[in-house]
């Protein structure tokens, strides 16, 4: 009788372990997962008019953005989205404060790191320097403030 009770207890424990294991394995596969990897969406902030330029050098992008800004009726918040040397880039101009316009660079590197750098003021000097060198940190202008978009 004692052996029968021990066998029944062992079978009950094994059955409980099996049921719990099956439940947890079922839960692993039930989560909805999208086709895209989780993380930060890489887009321009809402309210920007963005020109999709495709593959373009940084110098050409600076020229193209400067030309777009020089035209009459150009948007207060506009920019260009392009790819260059393995980077996906947004160069955005925010002129909501005319006294202190901002040039925003959003960069997604080949390894997925997403960085936003805000360059305040001196828009014309930055774009002129960008057209010559491909960089927005023109000499004599304030340094850009960078942050990782994951934080």
Protein backbone atom coordinates (compact mmCIF):
# COMPACT_ATOMS: atom_id res chain seq x y z
CA UNK A 1 0.00 0.00 0.00
CA UNK A 2 2.82 2.33 0.87
CA UNK A 3 4.53 1.69 -2.50
CA UNK A 4 1.28 2.40 -4.33
CA UNK A 5 0.93 5.81 -2.61
CA UNK A 6 4.56 6.70 -3.40
CA UNK A 7 4.07 5.74 -7.08
CA UNK A 8 0.86 7.80 -7.27
CA UNK A 9 2.59 10.83 -5.72
CA UNK A 10 5.48 10.54 -8.18
CA UNK A 11 3.05 10.29 -11.12
CA UNK A 12 1.12 13.34 -9.86
CA UNK A 13 4.33 15.40 -9.57
CA UNK A 14 5.48 14.32 -13.05
CA UNK A 15 2.05 15.17 -14.51
CA UNK A 16 2.15 18.63 -12.88
CA UNK A 17 5.66 19.28 -14.23
CA UNK A 18 4.55 18.19 -17.71
CA UNK A 19 1.48 20.47 -17.64
CA UNK A 20 3.47 23.48 -16.41
CA UNK A 21 6.23 22.85 -18.97
CA UNK A 22 3.72 22.58 -21.82
CA UNK A 23 2.06 25.81 -20.67
CA UNK A 24 5.34 27.77 -20.58
CA UNK A 25 6.50 26.45 -23.96
CA UNK A 26 3.14 27.45 -25.44
CA UNK A 27 3.52 30.97 -24.01
CA UNK A 28 6.93 31.43 -25.64
CA UNK A 29 5.46 31.22 -29.11
CA UNK A 30 2.25 33.19 -28.51
CA UNK A 31 3.71 36.74 -28.50
CA UNK A 32 3.02 38.87 -31.54
CA UNK A 33 6.24 39.74 -33.30
CA UNK A 34 6.55 42.02 -36.28
CA UNK A 35 8.80 41.57 -39.27
CA UNK A 36 10.92 44.55 -38.22
CA UNK A 37 13.42 44.35 -35.39
CA UNK A 38 12.46 45.98 -32.13
CA UNK A 39 14.03 49.32 -31.35
CA UNK A 40 13.85 52.95 -32.34
CA UNK A 41 11.89 53.92 -35.44
CA UNK A 42 14.20 55.91 -37.67
CA UNK A 43 12.17 58.71 -39.21
CA UNK A 44 11.95 62.47 -39.21
CA UNK A 45 9.93 63.94 -36.35
CA UNK A 46 6.32 64.83 -37.18
CA UNK A 47 5.80 68.13 -38.98
CA UNK A 48 8.87 68.05 -41.24
CA UNK A 49 8.63 68.15 -45.03
CA UNK A 50 11.33 65.71 -46.13
CA UNK A 51 12.82 65.26 -49.59
CA UNK A 52 13.65 61.57 -50.24
CA UNK A 53 16.98 61.73 -52.09
CA UNK A 54 18.22 58.11 -52.13
CA UNK A 55 21.99 57.53 -52.37
CA UNK A 56 23.81 60.86 -52.26
CA UNK A 57 27.14 62.20 -51.03
CA UNK A 58 27.04 64.43 -47.96
CA UNK A 59 28.40 67.32 -50.03
CA UNK A 60 25.63 66.97 -52.60
CA UNK A 61 23.06 66.65 -49.81
CA UNK A 62 24.25 69.94 -48.27
CA UNK A 63 24.02 71.67 -51.67
CA UNK A 64 20.57 70.23 -52.31
CA UNK A 65 19.31 71.27 -48.87
CA UNK A 66 20.75 74.78 -49.24
CA UNK A 67 19.06 75.13 -52.64
CA UNK A 68 15.74 73.97 -51.20
CA UNK A 69 15.98 76.47 -48.35
CA UNK A 70 16.84 79.39 -50.63
CA UNK A 71 13.62 79.06 -52.62
CA UNK A 72 10.61 81.18 -51.80
CA UNK A 73 7.95 79.49 -49.75
CA UNK A 74 10.32 76.88 -48.32
CA UNK A 75 8.87 75.17 -45.28
CA UNK A 76 9.71 76.23 -41.73
CA UNK A 77 10.53 72.61 -40.90
CA UNK A 78 12.06 70.77 -43.83
CA UNK A 79 14.89 68.43 -44.64
CA UNK A 80 16.46 65.74 -46.75
CA UNK A 81 16.65 61.96 -46.25
CA UNK A 82 19.54 60.22 -47.97
CA UNK A 83 22.06 57.39 -47.73
CA UNK A 84 25.81 57.90 -47.84
CA UNK A 85 28.69 55.48 -47.27
CA UNK A 86 26.51 52.93 -45.45
CA UNK A 87 24.76 55.53 -43.28
CA UNK A 88 21.06 56.39 -43.42
CA UNK A 89 20.81 60.15 -42.76
CA UNK A 90 18.23 62.84 -42.16
CA UNK A 91 19.41 66.44 -42.31
CA UNK A 92 16.53 68.52 -40.97
CA UNK A 93 16.18 72.29 -40.68
CA UNK A 94 13.91 73.72 -37.99
CA UNK A 95 13.29 77.45 -38.41
CA UNK A 96 10.40 77.78 -35.96
CA UNK A 97 12.63 80.24 -34.04
CA UNK A 98 13.97 82.51 -36.82
CA UNK A 99 16.57 84.02 -34.49
CA UNK A 100 18.08 80.60 -33.76
CA UNK A 101 17.43 78.03 -36.49
CA UNK A 102 18.56 74.46 -35.87
CA UNK A 103 20.12 71.94 -38.20
CA UNK A 104 19.44 68.40 -36.99
CA UNK A 105 21.36 65.39 -38.21
CA UNK A 106 19.80 61.99 -37.54
CA UNK A 107 22.21 59.21 -38.41
CA UNK A 108 21.77 55.44 -38.49
CA UNK A 109 25.12 53.72 -38.85
CA UNK A 110 25.77 50.40 -40.59
CA UNK A 111 25.67 48.62 -37.22
CA UNK A 112 22.31 50.14 -36.21
CA UNK A 113 23.42 52.89 -33.85
CA UNK A 114 21.10 55.87 -34.13
CA UNK A 115 22.44 59.29 -33.15
CA UNK A 116 20.82 62.72 -33.27
CA UNK A 117 23.04 65.81 -33.35
CA UNK A 118 21.52 69.28 -33.09
CA UNK A 119 23.54 72.19 -34.48
CA UNK A 120 22.09 75.49 -33.29
CA UNK A 121 22.35 78.66 -35.38
CA UNK A 122 24.66 79.60 -38.27
CA UNK A 123 22.59 77.65 -40.80
CA UNK A 124 24.12 79.22 -43.92
CA UNK A 125 27.71 78.74 -42.69
CA UNK A 126 27.01 75.10 -41.79
CA UNK A 127 25.48 74.25 -45.16
CA UNK A 128 28.27 76.07 -47.03
CA UNK A 129 30.85 74.11 -45.03
CA UNK A 130 28.84 70.92 -45.61
CA UNK A 131 28.86 71.52 -49.37
CA UNK A 132 32.65 71.87 -49.27
CA UNK A 133 33.55 69.11 -46.79
CA UNK A 134 30.48 66.96 -46.15
CA UNK A 135 30.49 67.96 -42.47
CA UNK A 136 28.08 70.27 -40.63
CA UNK A 137 30.46 71.40 -37.88
CA UNK A 138 31.70 74.55 -39.57
CA UNK A 139 34.69 76.36 -38.00
CA UNK A 140 33.65 79.26 -35.81
CA UNK A 141 30.20 77.81 -35.08
CA UNK A 142 28.92 76.24 -31.89
CA UNK A 143 29.45 72.53 -31.41
CA UNK A 144 26.57 70.18 -32.02
CA UNK A 145 24.80 68.45 -29.12
CA UNK A 146 24.56 64.69 -29.71
CA UNK A 147 22.41 62.05 -28.10
CA UNK A 148 21.76 58.39 -28.70
CA UNK A 149 18.17 57.93 -29.87
CA UNK A 150 17.81 54.79 -27.77
CA UNK A 151 17.78 56.84 -24.56
